[in-house]
PDB file of N, CA and C in Angstrom:
ATOM      1  N   MET A   1    -132.412  14.593 227.287  1.00  0.00           N
ATOM      2  CA  MET A   1    -131.089  15.023 226.862  1.00  0.00           C
ATOM      3  C   MET A   1    -130.934  14.858 225.348  1.00  0.00           C
ATOM      4  N   THR A   2    -131.322  13.687 224.811  1.00  0.00           N
ATOM      5  CA  THR A   2    -131.182  13.441 223.371  1.00  0.00           C
ATOM      6  C   THR A   2    -132.093  14.366 222.578  1.00  0.00           C
ATOM      7  N   THR A   3    -133.304  14.602 223.099  1.00  0.00           N
ATOM      8  CA  THR A   3    -134.235  15.486 222.410  1.00  0.00           C
ATOM      9  C   THR A   3    -133.664  16.893 222.340  1.00  0.00           C
ATOM     10  N   ASP A   4    -133.078  17.339 223.430  1.00  0.00           N
ATOM     11  CA  ASP A   4    -132.469  18.663 223.473  1.00  0.00           C
ATOM     12  C   ASP A   4    -131.317  18.752 222.477  1.00  0.00           C
ATOM     13  N   LEU A   5    -130.496  17.697 222.428  1.00  0.00           N
ATOM     14  CA  LEU A   5    -129.368  17.653 221.501  1.00  0.00           C
ATOM     15  C   LEU A   5    -129.842  17.611 220.058  1.00  0.00           C
ATOM     16  N   ASP A   6    -130.899  16.816 219.799  1.00  0.00           N
ATOM     17  CA  ASP A   6    -131.465  16.747 218.446  1.00  0.00           C
ATOM     18  C   ASP A   6    -132.036  18.094 218.025  1.00  0.00           C
ATOM     19  N   LEU A   7    -132.699  18.755 218.951  1.00  0.00           N
ATOM     20  CA  LEU A   7    -133.273  20.065 218.662  1.00  0.00           C
ATOM     21  C   LEU A   7    -132.175  21.079 218.351  1.00  0.00           C
ATOM     22  N   GLN A   8    -131.100  21.067 219.141  1.00  0.00           N
ATOM     23  CA  GLN A   8    -129.978  21.971 218.881  1.00  0.00           C
ATOM     24  C   GLN A   8    -129.329  21.665 217.534  1.00  0.00           C
ATOM     25  N   SER A   9    -129.175  20.405 217.222  1.00  0.00           N
ATOM     26  CA  SER A   9    -128.589  20.016 215.934  1.00  0.00           C
ATOM     27  C   SER A   9    -129.466  20.474 214.779  1.00  0.00           C
ATOM     28  N   ALA A  10    -130.780  20.315 214.940  1.00  0.00           N
ATOM     29  CA  ALA A  10    -131.712  20.729 213.894  1.00  0.00           C
ATOM     30  C   ALA A  10    -131.666  22.238 213.694  1.00  0.00           C
ATOM     31  N   ILE A  11    -131.638  22.987 214.780  1.00  0.00           N
ATOM     32  CA  ILE A  11    -131.568  24.455 214.689  1.00  0.00           C
ATOM     33  C   ILE A  11    -130.250  24.884 214.041  1.00  0.00           C
ATOM     34  N   ALA A  12    -129.161  24.239 214.439  1.00  0.00           N
ATOM     35  CA  ALA A  12    -127.862  24.561 213.853  1.00  0.00           C
ATOM     36  C   ALA A  12    -127.847  24.257 212.362  1.00  0.00           C
ATOM     37  N   ALA A  13    -128.451  23.137 211.965  1.00  0.00           N
ATOM     38  CA  ALA A  13    -128.509  22.771 210.551  1.00  0.00           C
ATOM     39  C   ALA A  13    -129.332  23.773 209.760  1.00  0.00           C
ATOM     40  N   LEU A  14    -130.468  24.201 210.331  1.00  0.00           N
ATOM     41  CA  LEU A  14    -131.300  25.204 209.657  1.00  0.00           C
ATOM     42  C   LEU A  14    -130.568  26.537 209.528  1.00  0.00           C
ATOM     43  N   ASP A  15    -129.873  26.938 210.575  1.00  0.00           N
ATOM     44  CA  ASP A  15    -129.089  28.177 210.523  1.00  0.00           C
ATOM     45  C   ASP A  15    -128.033  28.095 209.435  1.00  0.00           C
ATOM     46  N   GLU A  16    -127.337  26.971 209.377  1.00  0.00           N
ATOM     47  CA  GLU A  16    -126.285  26.801 208.373  1.00  0.00           C
ATOM     48  C   GLU A  16    -126.881  26.801 206.968  1.00  0.00           C
ATOM     49  N   TYR A  17    -128.037  26.152 206.800  1.00  0.00           N
ATOM     50  CA  TYR A  17    -128.702  26.130 205.502  1.00  0.00           C
ATOM     51  C   TYR A  17    -129.099  27.541 205.081  1.00  0.00           C
ATOM     52  N   GLY A  18    -129.653  28.299 206.016  1.00  0.00           N
ATOM     53  CA  GLY A  18    -130.040  29.678 205.726  1.00  0.00           C
ATOM     54  C   GLY A  18    -128.841  30.523 205.361  1.00  0.00           C
ATOM     55  N   TYR A  19    -127.729  30.310 206.063  1.00  0.00           N
ATOM     56  CA  TYR A  19    -126.504  31.063 205.768  1.00  0.00           C
ATOM     57  C   TYR A  19    -125.979  30.695 204.378  1.00  0.00           C
ATOM     58  N   ASP A  20    -125.910  29.397 204.082  1.00  0.00           N
ATOM     59  CA  ASP A  20    -125.423  28.955 202.767  1.00  0.00           C
ATOM     60  C   ASP A  20    -126.312  29.475 201.649  1.00  0.00           C
ATOM     61  N   LYS A  21    -127.622  29.430 201.896  1.00  0.00           N
ATOM     62  CA  LYS A  21    -128.562  29.894 200.876  1.00  0.00           C
ATOM     63  C   LYS A  21    -128.372  31.390 200.630  1.00  0.00           C
ATOM     64  N   LYS A  22    -128.211  32.156 201.693  1.00  0.00           N
ATOM     65  CA  LYS A  22    -128.014  33.600 201.567  1.00  0.00           C
ATOM     66  C   LYS A  22    -126.711  33.907 200.843  1.00  0.00           C
ATOM     67  N   VAL A  23    -125.656  33.196 201.205  1.00  0.00           N
ATOM     68  CA  VAL A  23    -124.344  33.446 200.616  1.00  0.00           C
ATOM     69  C   VAL A  23    -124.327  33.094 199.137  1.00  0.00           C
ATOM     70  N   SER A  24    -124.951  31.995 198.769  1.00  0.00           N
ATOM     71  CA  SER A  24    -124.860  31.556 197.385  1.00  0.00           C
ATOM     72  C   SER A  24    -125.951  32.137 196.492  1.00  0.00           C
ATOM     73  N   ALA A  25    -127.003  32.687 197.080  1.00  0.00           N
ATOM     74  CA  ALA A  25    -128.115  33.167 196.277  1.00  0.00           C
ATOM     75  C   ALA A  25    -128.022  34.658 195.973  1.00  0.00           C
ATOM     76  N   ASP A  26    -127.004  35.330 196.458  1.00  0.00           N
ATOM     77  CA  ASP A  26    -126.885  36.762 196.275  1.00  0.00           C
ATOM     78  C   ASP A  26    -125.552  37.078 195.613  1.00  0.00           C
ATOM     79  N   LEU A  27    -125.593  37.764 194.498  1.00  0.00           N
ATOM     80  CA  LEU A  27    -124.370  38.063 193.758  1.00  0.00           C
ATOM     81  C   LEU A  27    -123.409  38.923 194.571  1.00  0.00           C
ATOM     82  N   GLU A  28    -123.945  39.810 195.386  1.00  0.00           N
ATOM     83  CA  GLU A  28    -123.082  40.661 196.207  1.00  0.00           C
ATOM     84  C   GLU A  28    -122.249  39.848 197.184  1.00  0.00           C
ATOM     85  N   GLN A  29    -122.773  38.700 197.589  1.00  0.00           N
ATOM     86  CA  GLN A  29    -122.066  37.852 198.542  1.00  0.00           C
ATOM     87  C   GLN A  29    -121.141  36.846 197.858  1.00  0.00           C
ATOM     88  N   ALA A  30    -121.256  36.682 196.545  1.00  0.00           N
ATOM     89  CA  ALA A  30    -120.452  35.696 195.820  1.00  0.00           C
ATOM     90  C   ALA A  30    -118.986  36.119 195.824  1.00  0.00           C
ATOM     91  N   ARG A  31    -118.123  35.207 196.245  1.00  0.00           N
ATOM     92  CA  ARG A  31    -116.703  35.512 196.354  1.00  0.00           C
ATOM     93  C   ARG A  31    -115.838  34.618 195.475  1.00  0.00           C
ATOM     94  N   ASN A  32    -116.441  33.632 194.841  1.00  0.00           N
ATOM     95  CA  ASN A  32    -115.646  32.763 193.970  1.00  0.00           C
ATOM     96  C   ASN A  32    -116.458  32.379 192.741  1.00  0.00           C
ATOM     97  N   LYS A  33    -115.792  31.696 191.833  1.00  0.00           N
ATOM     98  CA  LYS A  33    -116.404  31.343 190.550  1.00  0.00           C
ATOM     99  C   LYS A  33    -117.634  30.449 190.741  1.00  0.00           C
ATOM    100  N   GLN A  34    -117.538  29.510 191.660  1.00  0.00           N
ATOM    101  CA  GLN A  34    -118.645  28.578 191.893  1.00  0.00           C
ATOM    102  C   GLN A  34    -119.895  29.315 192.383  1.00  0.00           C
ATOM    103  N   GLN A  35    -119.722  30.225 193.328  1.00  0.00           N
ATOM    104  CA  GLN A  35    -120.864  30.975 193.862  1.00  0.00           C
ATOM    105  C   GLN A  35    -121.473  31.876 192.797  1.00  0.00           C
ATOM    106  N   MET A  36    -120.622  32.523 192.007  1.00  0.00           N
ATOM    107  CA  MET A  36    -121.135  33.388 190.950  1.00  0.00           C
ATOM    108  C   MET A  36    -121.861  32.569 189.893  1.00  0.00           C
ATOM    109  N   GLY A  37    -121.288  31.413 189.548  1.00  0.00           N
ATOM    110  CA  GLY A  37    -121.940  30.540 188.572  1.00  0.00           C
ATOM    111  C   GLY A  37    -123.296  30.077 189.063  1.00  0.00           C
ATOM    112  N   LYS A  38    -123.383  29.731 190.333  1.00  0.00           N
ATOM    113  CA  LYS A  38    -124.649  29.281 190.924  1.00  0.00           C
ATOM    114  C   LYS A  38    -125.682  30.398 190.863  1.00  0.00           C
ATOM    115  N   TYR A  39    -125.246  31.612 191.168  1.00  0.00           N
ATOM    116  CA  TYR A  39    -126.177  32.747 191.126  1.00  0.00           C
ATOM    117  C   TYR A  39    -126.666  32.993 189.704  1.00  0.00           C
ATOM    118  N   ILE A  40    -125.750  32.982 188.745  1.00  0.00           N
ATOM    119  CA  ILE A  40    -126.129  33.252 187.352  1.00  0.00           C
ATOM    120  C   ILE A  40    -127.066  32.164 186.838  1.00  0.00           C
ATOM    121  N   LYS A  41    -126.801  30.912 187.203  1.00  0.00           N
ATOM    122  CA  LYS A  41    -127.712  29.827 186.799  1.00  0.00           C
ATOM    123  C   LYS A  41    -129.092  30.030 187.401  1.00  0.00           C
ATOM    124  N   SER A  42    -129.147  30.572 188.624  1.00  0.00           N
ATOM    125  CA  SER A  42    -130.445  30.783 189.270  1.00  0.00           C
ATOM    126  C   SER A  42    -131.270  31.847 188.541  1.00  0.00           C
ATOM    127  N   LEU A  43    -130.609  32.703 187.765  1.00  0.00           N
ATOM    128  CA  LEU A  43    -131.332  33.724 187.011  1.00  0.00           C
ATOM    129  C   LEU A  43    -132.089  33.129 185.832  1.00  0.00           C
ATOM    130  N   ASP A  44    -131.618  31.957 185.380  1.00  0.00           N
ATOM    131  CA  ASP A  44    -132.250  31.238 184.274  1.00  0.00           C
ATOM    132  C   ASP A  44    -132.354  32.117 183.022  1.00  0.00           C
ATOM    133  N   TYR A  45    -131.244  32.746 182.659  1.00  0.00           N
ATOM    134  CA  TYR A  45    -131.203  33.602 181.473  1.00  0.00           C
ATOM    135  C   TYR A  45    -131.154  32.777 180.202  1.00  0.00           C
ATOM    136  N   SER A  46    -131.711  33.336 179.136  1.00  0.00           N
ATOM    137  CA  SER A  46    -131.604  32.715 177.817  1.00  0.00           C
ATOM    138  C   SER A  46    -130.178  32.949 177.298  1.00  0.00           C
ATOM    139  N   LEU A  47    -129.823  32.258 176.246  1.00  0.00           N
ATOM    140  CA  LEU A  47    -128.487  32.411 175.670  1.00  0.00           C
ATOM    141  C   LEU A  47    -128.248  33.859 175.261  1.00  0.00           C
ATOM    142  N   ARG A  48    -129.232  34.485 174.673  1.00  0.00           N
ATOM    143  CA  ARG A  48    -129.091  35.878 174.231  1.00  0.00           C
ATOM    144  C   ARG A  48    -128.766  36.798 175.411  1.00  0.00           C
ATOM    145  N   ARG A  49    -129.478  36.640 176.499  1.00  0.00           N
ATOM    146  CA  ARG A  49    -129.232  37.479 177.676  1.00  0.00           C
ATOM    147  C   ARG A  49    -127.880  37.176 178.305  1.00  0.00           C
ATOM    148  N   LEU A  50    -127.475  35.897 178.291  1.00  0.00           N
ATOM    149  CA  LEU A  50    -126.155  35.534 178.810  1.00  0.00           C
ATOM    150  C   LEU A  50    -125.047  36.164 177.969  1.00  0.00           C
ATOM    151  N   LEU A  51    -125.240  36.210 176.655  1.00  0.00           N
ATOM    152  CA  LEU A  51    -124.242  36.832 175.780  1.00  0.00           C
ATOM    153  C   LEU A  51    -124.150  38.335 176.040  1.00  0.00           C
ATOM    154  N   ILE A  52    -125.288  38.968 176.268  1.00  0.00           N
ATOM    155  CA  ILE A  52    -125.294  40.400 176.604  1.00  0.00           C
ATOM    156  C   ILE A  52    -124.582  40.614 177.942  1.00  0.00           C
ATOM    157  N   LEU A  53    -124.864  39.752 178.912  1.00  0.00           N
ATOM    158  CA  LEU A  53    -124.202  39.828 180.208  1.00  0.00           C
ATOM    159  C   LEU A  53    -122.699  39.659 180.050  1.00  0.00           C
ATOM    160  N   GLN A  54    -122.297  38.686 179.240  1.00  0.00           N
ATOM    161  CA  GLN A  54    -120.872  38.446 179.013  1.00  0.00           C
ATOM    162  C   GLN A  54    -120.202  39.662 178.373  1.00  0.00           C
ATOM    163  N   GLU A  55    -120.839  40.247 177.390  1.00  0.00           N
ATOM    164  CA  GLU A  55    -120.284  41.428 176.723  1.00  0.00           C
ATOM    165  C   GLU A  55    -120.147  42.590 177.709  1.00  0.00           C
ATOM    166  N   THR A  56    -121.160  42.782 178.530  1.00  0.00           N
ATOM    167  CA  THR A  56    -121.143  43.859 179.517  1.00  0.00           C
ATOM    168  C   THR A  56    -120.034  43.644 180.534  1.00  0.00           C
ATOM    169  N   VAL A  57    -119.911  42.414 181.027  1.00  0.00           N
ATOM    170  CA  VAL A  57    -118.862  42.107 182.002  1.00  0.00           C
ATOM    171  C   VAL A  57    -117.490  42.320 181.376  1.00  0.00           C
ATOM    172  N   ASN A  58    -117.307  41.894 180.134  1.00  0.00           N
ATOM    173  CA  ASN A  58    -116.017  42.087 179.460  1.00  0.00           C
ATOM    174  C   ASN A  58    -115.676  43.573 179.337  1.00  0.00           C
ATOM    175  N   GLU A  59    -116.673  44.387 178.999  1.00  0.00           N
ATOM    176  CA  GLU A  59    -116.439  45.831 178.898  1.00  0.00           C
ATOM    177  C   GLU A  59    -116.064  46.423 180.257  1.00  0.00           C
ATOM    178  N   LEU A  60    -116.762  45.996 181.311  1.00  0.00           N
ATOM    179  CA  LEU A  60    -116.454  46.502 182.644  1.00  0.00           C
ATOM    180  C   LEU A  60    -115.068  46.072 183.102  1.00  0.00           C
ATOM    181  N   VAL A  61    -114.675  44.853 182.755  1.00  0.00           N
ATOM    182  CA  VAL A  61    -113.339  44.364 183.115  1.00  0.00           C
ATOM    183  C   VAL A  61    -112.279  45.200 182.399  1.00  0.00           C
ATOM    184  N   GLU A  62    -112.475  45.477 181.121  1.00  0.00           N
ATOM    185  CA  GLU A  62    -111.510  46.288 180.366  1.00  0.00           C
ATOM    186  C   GLU A  62    -111.421  47.702 180.936  1.00  0.00           C
ATOM    187  N   GLU A  63    -112.575  48.262 181.293  1.00  0.00           N
ATOM    188  CA  GLU A  63    -112.591  49.601 181.888  1.00  0.00           C
ATOM    189  C   GLU A  63    -111.824  49.616 183.209  1.00  0.00           C
ATOM    190  N   LYS A  64    -112.034  48.596 184.039  1.00  0.00           N
ATOM    191  CA  LYS A  64    -111.350  48.506 185.324  1.00  0.00           C
ATOM    192  C   LYS A  64    -109.845  48.339 185.119  1.00  0.00           C
ATOM    193  N   LYS A  65    -109.447  47.527 184.139  1.00  0.00           N
ATOM    194  CA  LYS A  65    -108.021  47.348 183.835  1.00  0.00           C
ATOM    195  C   LYS A  65    -107.399  48.667 183.400  1.00  0.00           C
ATOM    196  N   HIS A  66    -108.136  49.421 182.583  1.00  0.00           N
ATOM    197  CA  HIS A  66    -107.647  50.720 182.111  1.00  0.00           C
ATOM    198  C   HIS A  66    -107.474  51.687 183.287  1.00  0.00           C
ATOM    199  N   GLN A  67    -108.453  51.711 184.189  1.00  0.00           N
ATOM    200  CA  GLN A  67    -108.367  52.583 185.366  1.00  0.00           C
ATOM    201  C   GLN A  67    -107.173  52.207 186.244  1.00  0.00           C
ATOM    202  N   LEU A  68    -106.952  50.914 186.418  1.00  0.00           N
ATOM    203  CA  LEU A  68    -105.813  50.469 187.227  1.00  0.00           C
ATOM    204  C   LEU A  68    -104.487  50.829 186.565  1.00  0.00           C
ATOM    205  N   ALA A  69    -104.428  50.726 185.233  1.00  0.00           N
ATOM    206  CA  ALA A  69    -103.211  51.097 184.513  1.00  0.00           C
ATOM    207  C   ALA A  69    -102.936  52.594 184.672  1.00  0.00           C
ATOM    208  N   LEU A  70    -103.978  53.419 184.566  1.00  0.00           N
ATOM    209  CA  LEU A  70    -103.817  54.870 184.764  1.00  0.00           C
ATOM    210  C   LEU A  70    -103.336  55.173 186.176  1.00  0.00           C
ATOM    211  N   GLN A  71    -103.916  54.491 187.129  1.00  0.00           N
ATOM    212  CA  GLN A  71    -103.526  54.680 188.532  1.00  0.00           C
ATOM    213  C   GLN A  71    -102.053  54.310 188.724  1.00  0.00           C
ATOM    214  N   GLU A  72    -101.634  53.233 188.085  1.00  0.00           N
ATOM    215  CA  GLU A  72    -100.240  52.802 188.178  1.00  0.00           C
ATOM    216  C   GLU A  72     -99.313  53.831 187.539  1.00  0.00           C
ATOM    217  N   HIS A  73     -99.730  54.408 186.410  1.00  0.00           N
ATOM    218  CA  HIS A  73     -98.917  55.434 185.748  1.00  0.00           C
ATOM    219  C   HIS A  73     -98.768  56.668 186.632  1.00  0.00           C
ATOM    220  N   VAL A  74     -99.853  57.074 187.267  1.00  0.00           N
ATOM    221  CA  VAL A  74     -99.810  58.231 188.163  1.00  0.00           C
ATOM    222  C   VAL A  74     -98.862  57.957 189.322  1.00  0.00           C
ATOM    223  N   GLN A  75     -98.949  56.759 189.890  1.00  0.00           N
ATOM    224  CA  GLN A  75     -98.075  56.409 191.010  1.00  0.00           C
ATOM    225  C   GLN A  75     -96.615  56.394 190.570  1.00  0.00           C
ATOM    226  N   THR A  76     -96.350  55.872 189.371  1.00  0.00           N
ATOM    227  CA  THR A  76     -94.981  55.856 188.843  1.00  0.00           C
ATOM    228  C   THR A  76     -94.469  57.279 188.664  1.00  0.00           C
ATOM    229  N   TYR A  77     -95.318  58.154 188.147  1.00  0.00           N
ATOM    230  CA  TYR A  77     -94.948  59.552 187.933  1.00  0.00           C
ATOM    231  C   TYR A  77     -94.638  60.239 189.265  1.00  0.00           C
ATOM    232  N   LYS A  78     -95.488  59.975 190.272  1.00  0.00           N
ATOM    233  CA  LYS A  78     -95.246  60.554 191.598  1.00  0.00           C
ATOM    234  C   LYS A  78     -93.919  60.063 192.174  1.00  0.00           C
ATOM    235  N   THR A  79     -93.625  58.787 191.974  1.00  0.00           N
ATOM    236  CA  THR A  79     -92.373  58.219 192.473  1.00  0.00           C
ATOM    237  C   THR A  79     -91.182  58.889 191.796  1.00  0.00           C
ATOM    238  N   LYS A  80     -91.294  59.153 190.499  1.00  0.00           N
ATOM    239  CA  LYS A  80     -90.205  59.828 189.776  1.00  0.00           C
ATOM    240  C   LYS A  80     -89.997  61.240 190.317  1.00  0.00           C
ATOM    241  N   ILE A  81     -91.081  61.921 190.623  1.00  0.00           N
ATOM    242  CA  ILE A  81     -90.967  63.273 191.184  1.00  0.00           C
ATOM    243  C   ILE A  81     -90.314  63.216 192.564  1.00  0.00           C
ATOM    244  N   ILE A  82     -90.705  62.243 193.366  1.00  0.00           N
ATOM    245  CA  ILE A  82     -90.101  62.088 194.698  1.00  0.00           C
ATOM    246  C   ILE A  82     -88.604  61.830 194.562  1.00  0.00           C
ATOM    247  N   ASN A  83     -88.238  60.971 193.612  1.00  0.00           N
ATOM    248  CA  ASN A  83     -86.817  60.678 193.400  1.00  0.00           C
ATOM    249  C   ASN A  83     -86.049  61.920 192.936  1.00  0.00           C
ATOM    250  N   LEU A  84     -86.679  62.745 192.089  1.00  0.00           N
ATOM    251  CA  LEU A  84     -86.052  64.004 191.670  1.00  0.00           C
ATOM    252  C   LEU A  84     -85.836  64.927 192.869  1.00  0.00           C
ATOM    253  N   SER A  85     -86.839  65.013 193.725  1.00  0.00           N
ATOM    254  CA  SER A  85     -86.712  65.896 194.889  1.00  0.00           C
ATOM    255  C   SER A  85     -85.583  65.426 195.806  1.00  0.00           C
ATOM    256  N   ARG A  86     -85.412  64.143 195.932  1.00  0.00           N
ATOM    257  CA  ARG A  86     -84.311  63.615 196.754  1.00  0.00           C
ATOM    258  C   ARG A  86     -82.963  63.851 196.082  1.00  0.00           C
ATOM    259  N   GLU A  87     -82.941  63.651 194.761  1.00  0.00           N
ATOM    260  CA  GLU A  87     -81.687  63.808 194.021  1.00  0.00           C
ATOM    261  C   GLU A  87     -81.157  65.238 194.114  1.00  0.00           C
ATOM    262  N   PHE A  88     -82.059  66.208 194.007  1.00  0.00           N
ATOM    263  CA  PHE A  88     -81.638  67.608 194.043  1.00  0.00           C
ATOM    264  C   PHE A  88     -81.820  68.243 195.426  1.00  0.00           C
ATOM    265  N   ASN A  89     -82.210  67.442 196.384  1.00  0.00           N
ATOM    266  CA  ASN A  89     -82.357  67.880 197.768  1.00  0.00           C
ATOM    267  C   ASN A  89     -83.294  69.086 197.901  1.00  0.00           C
ATOM    268  N   ILE A  90     -84.458  68.996 197.232  1.00  0.00           N
ATOM    269  CA  ILE A  90     -85.502  70.017 197.366  1.00  0.00           C
ATOM    270  C   ILE A  90     -86.820  69.303 197.656  1.00  0.00           C
ATOM    271  N   SER A  91     -87.771  70.068 198.124  1.00  0.00           N
ATOM    272  CA  SER A  91     -89.049  69.451 198.517  1.00  0.00           C
ATOM    273  C   SER A  91     -89.868  69.031 197.285  1.00  0.00           C
ATOM    274  N   TYR A  92     -90.773  68.124 197.527  1.00  0.00           N
ATOM    275  CA  TYR A  92     -91.679  67.634 196.492  1.00  0.00           C
ATOM    276  C   TYR A  92     -92.477  68.782 195.886  1.00  0.00           C
ATOM    277  N   GLU A  93     -92.964  69.666 196.745  1.00  0.00           N
ATOM    278  CA  GLU A  93     -93.755  70.814 196.285  1.00  0.00           C
ATOM    279  C   GLU A  93     -92.927  71.749 195.399  1.00  0.00           C
ATOM    280  N   ASP A  94     -91.631  71.923 195.750  1.00  0.00           N
ATOM    281  CA  ASP A  94     -90.760  72.772 194.929  1.00  0.00           C
ATOM    282  C   ASP A  94     -90.555  72.171 193.545  1.00  0.00           C
ATOM    283  N   VAL A  95     -90.406  70.867 193.484  1.00  0.00           N
ATOM    284  CA  VAL A  95     -90.266  70.196 192.179  1.00  0.00           C
ATOM    285  C   VAL A  95     -91.520  70.433 191.346  1.00  0.00           C
ATOM    286  N   LEU A  96     -92.685  70.303 191.976  1.00  0.00           N
ATOM    287  CA  LEU A  96     -93.937  70.541 191.253  1.00  0.00           C
ATOM    288  C   LEU A  96     -94.029  71.991 190.764  1.00  0.00           C
ATOM    289  N   ALA A  97     -93.588  72.935 191.598  1.00  0.00           N
ATOM    290  CA  ALA A  97     -93.626  74.348 191.209  1.00  0.00           C
ATOM    291  C   ALA A  97     -92.707  74.605 190.029  1.00  0.00           C
ATOM    292  N   ILE A  98     -91.509  74.011 190.051  1.00  0.00           N
ATOM    293  CA  ILE A  98     -90.561  74.171 188.935  1.00  0.00           C
ATOM    294  C   ILE A  98     -91.147  73.574 187.666  1.00  0.00           C
ATOM    295  N   MET A  99     -91.760  72.416 187.778  1.00  0.00           N
ATOM    296  CA  MET A  99     -92.366  71.770 186.603  1.00  0.00           C
ATOM    297  C   MET A  99     -93.494  72.626 186.041  1.00  0.00           C
ATOM    298  N   ALA A 100     -94.294  73.229 186.920  1.00  0.00           N
ATOM    299  CA  ALA A 100     -95.399  74.081 186.483  1.00  0.00           C
ATOM    300  C   ALA A 100     -94.859  75.326 185.782  1.00  0.00           C
ATOM    301  N   GLU A 101     -93.777  75.904 186.328  1.00  0.00           N
ATOM    302  CA  GLU A 101     -93.137  77.060 185.690  1.00  0.00           C
ATOM    303  C   GLU A 101     -92.654  76.721 184.294  1.00  0.00           C
ATOM    304  N   LEU A 102     -91.988  75.592 184.164  1.00  0.00           N
ATOM    305  CA  LEU A 102     -91.474  75.167 182.855  1.00  0.00           C
ATOM    306  C   LEU A 102     -92.601  74.921 181.873  1.00  0.00           C
ATOM    307  N   ALA A 103     -93.708  74.362 182.341  1.00  0.00           N
ATOM    308  CA  ALA A 103     -94.849  74.095 181.461  1.00  0.00           C
ATOM    309  C   ALA A 103     -95.479  75.411 181.001  1.00  0.00           C
ATOM    310  N   ASN A 104     -95.490  76.431 181.871  1.00  0.00           N
ATOM    311  CA  ASN A 104     -96.061  77.730 181.513  1.00  0.00           C
ATOM    312  C   ASN A 104     -95.190  78.484 180.515  1.00  0.00           C
ATOM    313  N   LYS A 105     -93.902  78.264 180.554  1.00  0.00           N
ATOM    314  CA  LYS A 105     -92.982  78.959 179.645  1.00  0.00           C
ATOM    315  C   LYS A 105     -93.095  78.426 178.209  1.00  0.00           C
ATOM    316  N   LYS A 106     -93.545  77.215 178.064  1.00  0.00           N
ATOM    317  CA  LYS A 106     -93.620  76.600 176.727  1.00  0.00           C
ATOM    318  C   LYS A 106     -94.779  77.075 175.950  1.00  0.00           C
TER     319      LYS A 106
END
């Protein structure tokens, strides 16, 4: 009985170790700062490469922020059009058609 229990405990421990190793050793699986830091340390990059990585990440973060801001502006614009359609009791598509007509006249 004890041998069976010890064997099960050992297998469970190995499974957990394999899971932890997989989760922390792969950047795609990293979900927090600690896991990402552990992965980056495992790469053993020189300071120069870390600085390049930092610059690249900063650029990607700025690009993502810009994309999210554009998306927010589009959503705000759509909301304004919806509010106009409700205010004048016409369909969303009709508001868009009127706006397109006005833009063509200019």
